[in-house]
Amino acid sequence: MKAARRFSSPPDSVAGAPVTRVEHDATMTAQNL
């Protein structure tokens, strides 16, 4: 849900690219597990 919201809002993704990437990777890993 959080990942979807971040992707839905381009400004947030652009503003916090590094943080978003880290959190996105963590979310994807959690979903995969």
N, C-alpha and C. Protein backbone atom coordinates (compact mmCIF):
# COMPACT_ATOMS: atom_id res chain seq x y z
N MET A 1 0.84 -1.19 0.00
CA MET A 1 0.00 0.00 0.00
C MET A 1 0.89 1.26 0.00
N LYS A 2 1.89 1.28 0.88
CA LYS A 2 2.77 2.46 0.93
C LYS A 2 3.49 2.64 -0.40
N ALA A 3 4.01 1.55 -0.96
CA ALA A 3 4.74 1.65 -2.23
C ALA A 3 3.81 2.21 -3.30
N ALA A 4 2.58 1.72 -3.34
CA ALA A 4 1.63 2.18 -4.35
C ALA A 4 1.38 3.67 -4.18
N ARG A 5 1.21 4.10 -2.95
CA ARG A 5 0.95 5.53 -2.72
C ARG A 5 2.14 6.36 -3.19
N ARG A 6 3.35 5.90 -2.90
CA ARG A 6 4.53 6.67 -3.28
C ARG A 6 4.62 6.75 -4.80
N PHE A 7 4.34 5.64 -5.47
CA PHE A 7 4.42 5.66 -6.94
C PHE A 7 3.32 6.54 -7.50
N SER A 8 2.16 6.58 -6.82
CA SER A 8 1.05 7.39 -7.31
C SER A 8 1.40 8.88 -7.24
N SER A 9 2.25 9.25 -6.27
CA SER A 9 2.61 10.67 -6.13
C SER A 9 4.02 10.92 -6.63
N PRO A 10 4.18 11.38 -7.87
CA PRO A 10 5.50 11.66 -8.46
C PRO A 10 6.31 12.64 -7.62
N PRO A 11 5.72 13.72 -7.10
CA PRO A 11 6.51 14.71 -6.33
C PRO A 11 7.26 14.05 -5.19
N ASP A 12 6.58 13.19 -4.42
CA ASP A 12 7.24 12.53 -3.28
C ASP A 12 8.40 11.68 -3.79
N SER A 13 8.16 10.93 -4.85
CA SER A 13 9.22 10.05 -5.37
C SER A 13 10.43 10.88 -5.79
N VAL A 14 10.19 11.99 -6.47
CA VAL A 14 11.30 12.82 -6.94
C VAL A 14 11.99 13.50 -5.75
N ALA A 15 11.18 13.94 -4.77
CA ALA A 15 11.75 14.65 -3.62
C ALA A 15 12.64 13.72 -2.81
N GLY A 16 12.16 12.50 -2.54
CA GLY A 16 12.95 11.56 -1.73
C GLY A 16 13.32 10.34 -2.53
N ALA A 17 14.05 10.53 -3.62
CA ALA A 17 14.41 9.39 -4.48
C ALA A 17 15.19 8.33 -3.69
N PRO A 18 16.27 8.70 -3.01
CA PRO A 18 17.09 7.70 -2.29
C PRO A 18 16.28 6.97 -1.23
N VAL A 19 15.56 7.72 -0.40
CA VAL A 19 14.77 7.10 0.66
C VAL A 19 13.69 6.22 0.05
N THR A 20 13.03 6.73 -0.98
CA THR A 20 11.96 5.96 -1.61
C THR A 20 12.51 4.65 -2.16
N ARG A 21 13.69 4.71 -2.75
CA ARG A 21 14.28 3.49 -3.32
C ARG A 21 14.55 2.48 -2.22
N VAL A 22 15.13 2.93 -1.13
CA VAL A 22 15.45 2.02 -0.03
C VAL A 22 14.17 1.40 0.52
N GLU A 23 13.19 2.24 0.79
CA GLU A 23 11.94 1.73 1.35
C GLU A 23 11.24 0.82 0.34
N HIS A 24 11.30 1.20 -0.93
CA HIS A 24 10.66 0.39 -1.97
C HIS A 24 11.31 -0.99 -2.02
N ASP A 25 12.64 -1.01 -1.99
CA ASP A 25 13.35 -2.30 -2.01
C ASP A 25 12.94 -3.13 -0.80
N ALA A 26 12.88 -2.50 0.37
CA ALA A 26 12.50 -3.23 1.59
C ALA A 26 11.08 -3.77 1.45
N THR A 27 10.19 -2.95 0.90
CA THR A 27 8.80 -3.40 0.73
C THR A 27 8.73 -4.58 -0.22
N MET A 28 9.45 -4.49 -1.34
CA MET A 28 9.44 -5.59 -2.31
C MET A 28 9.99 -6.86 -1.67
N THR A 29 11.06 -6.72 -0.90
CA THR A 29 11.65 -7.89 -0.23
C THR A 29 10.64 -8.50 0.73
N ALA A 30 9.97 -7.66 1.51
CA ALA A 30 8.99 -8.15 2.48
C ALA A 30 7.86 -8.88 1.74
N GLN A 31 7.40 -8.32 0.64
CA GLN A 31 6.32 -8.95 -0.12
C GLN A 31 6.79 -10.28 -0.68
N ASN A 32 8.02 -10.31 -1.17
CA ASN A 32 8.54 -11.56 -1.74
C ASN A 32 8.64 -12.63 -0.67
N LEU A 33 9.07 -12.22 0.53
CA LEU A 33 9.21 -13.19 1.62
C LEU A 33 7.82 -13.57 2.11
